[in-house]
């Protein structure tokens, strides 16, 4: 599964996100989804989420 479809992402899922400041390097941050921030059903760069730690980024990998 990929992180571009909102239907694939649910709160409580373990994911790897790329934060805005890391988009150039592609450094990923792992965590558990707390909130889904993107309202549209699809986003080509990944659905934006907030992790339980408070970090915000776009989903790259669903674990």
C-alpha atoms as a PDB file:
ATOM      1  CA  UNK A   1       0.000   0.000   0.000  1.00  0.00           C
ATOM      2  CA  UNK A   2       1.132   3.514  -0.662  1.00  0.00           C
ATOM      3  CA  UNK A   3       0.451   6.756   1.147  1.00  0.00           C
ATOM      4  CA  UNK A   4      -1.215   8.633  -1.726  1.00  0.00           C
ATOM      5  CA  UNK A   5      -4.758   7.300  -1.127  1.00  0.00           C
ATOM      6  CA  UNK A   6      -6.619   8.520   1.947  1.00  0.00           C
ATOM      7  CA  UNK A   7      -8.606   5.246   2.170  1.00  0.00           C
ATOM      8  CA  UNK A   8      -5.372   3.354   2.990  1.00  0.00           C
ATOM      9  CA  UNK A   9      -4.612   5.479   6.069  1.00  0.00           C
ATOM     10  CA  UNK A  10      -6.358   5.201   9.428  1.00  0.00           C
ATOM     11  CA  UNK A  11      -5.520   6.548  12.901  1.00  0.00           C
ATOM     12  CA  UNK A  12      -3.438   4.007  14.801  1.00  0.00           C
ATOM     13  CA  UNK A  13      -1.552   2.817  11.699  1.00  0.00           C
ATOM     14  CA  UNK A  14       2.256   2.713  11.785  1.00  0.00           C
ATOM     15  CA  UNK A  15       3.713   4.782   8.924  1.00  0.00           C
ATOM     16  CA  UNK A  16       6.862   6.513   7.720  1.00  0.00           C
ATOM     17  CA  UNK A  17       6.451  10.186   6.820  1.00  0.00           C
ATOM     18  CA  UNK A  18       8.640  12.833   5.270  1.00  0.00           C
ATOM     19  CA  UNK A  19       8.457  16.162   7.105  1.00  0.00           C
ATOM     20  CA  UNK A  20       8.508  19.408   5.113  1.00  0.00           C
ATOM     21  CA  UNK A  21      12.025  20.340   6.245  1.00  0.00           C
ATOM     22  CA  UNK A  22      13.275  16.886   5.131  1.00  0.00           C
ATOM     23  CA  UNK A  23      11.713  16.817   1.657  1.00  0.00           C
ATOM     24  CA  UNK A  24      15.045  17.666   0.053  1.00  0.00           C
ATOM     25  CA  UNK A  25      16.893  14.817   1.762  1.00  0.00           C
ATOM     26  CA  UNK A  26      13.989  12.363   1.839  1.00  0.00           C
ATOM     27  CA  UNK A  27      14.697  11.524   5.506  1.00  0.00           C
ATOM     28  CA  UNK A  28      11.781   9.516   6.913  1.00  0.00           C
ATOM     29  CA  UNK A  29      10.248   9.663  10.381  1.00  0.00           C
ATOM     30  CA  UNK A  30       8.360   6.640  11.710  1.00  0.00           C
ATOM     31  CA  UNK A  31       5.367   6.832  13.995  1.00  0.00           C
ATOM     32  CA  UNK A  32       1.701   6.133  14.595  1.00  0.00           C
ATOM     33  CA  UNK A  33      -1.013   8.205  12.880  1.00  0.00           C
ATOM     34  CA  UNK A  34      -3.021  10.383  15.267  1.00  0.00           C
ATOM     35  CA  UNK A  35      -4.878  12.610  12.744  1.00  0.00           C
ATOM     36  CA  UNK A  36      -5.334  12.725   8.970  1.00  0.00           C
ATOM     37  CA  UNK A  37      -4.903  16.319   7.788  1.00  0.00           C
ATOM     38  CA  UNK A  38      -5.518  15.965   4.022  1.00  0.00           C
ATOM     39  CA  UNK A  39      -9.217  16.118   3.134  1.00  0.00           C
ATOM     40  CA  UNK A  40      -8.979  15.030  -0.510  1.00  0.00           C
ATOM     41  CA  UNK A  41      -9.135  11.277  -1.299  1.00  0.00           C
ATOM     42  CA  UNK A  42      -5.788  11.358  -3.196  1.00  0.00           C
ATOM     43  CA  UNK A  43      -2.591  13.406  -3.058  1.00  0.00           C
ATOM     44  CA  UNK A  44       0.334  12.654  -5.420  1.00  0.00           C
ATOM     45  CA  UNK A  45       3.032  13.468  -2.818  1.00  0.00           C
ATOM     46  CA  UNK A  46       1.318  11.600   0.030  1.00  0.00           C
ATOM     47  CA  UNK A  47      -1.526  12.175   2.464  1.00  0.00           C
ATOM     48  CA  UNK A  48      -0.578  14.649   5.211  1.00  0.00           C
ATOM     49  CA  UNK A  49      -0.904  13.279   8.743  1.00  0.00           C
ATOM     50  CA  UNK A  50      -0.038  14.202  12.332  1.00  0.00           C
ATOM     51  CA  UNK A  51       1.737  11.496  14.308  1.00  0.00           C
ATOM     52  CA  UNK A  52       1.052  10.786  17.983  1.00  0.00           C
ATOM     53  CA  UNK A  53       4.334  12.614  18.713  1.00  0.00           C
ATOM     54  CA  UNK A  54       2.941  15.789  17.088  1.00  0.00           C
ATOM     55  CA  UNK A  55       5.150  15.618  13.991  1.00  0.00           C
ATOM     56  CA  UNK A  56       3.425  16.463  10.690  1.00  0.00           C
ATOM     57  CA  UNK A  57       4.352  15.125   7.273  1.00  0.00           C
ATOM     58  CA  UNK A  58       3.267  13.232   4.188  1.00  0.00           C
ATOM     59  CA  UNK A  59       2.935   9.445   4.288  1.00  0.00           C
ATOM     60  CA  UNK A  60       5.568   7.681   2.189  1.00  0.00           C
ATOM     61  CA  UNK A  61       5.323   4.110   3.531  1.00  0.00           C
ATOM     62  CA  UNK A  62       2.575   2.247   5.357  1.00  0.00           C
ATOM     63  CA  UNK A  63       4.165  -0.347   7.652  1.00  0.00           C
END
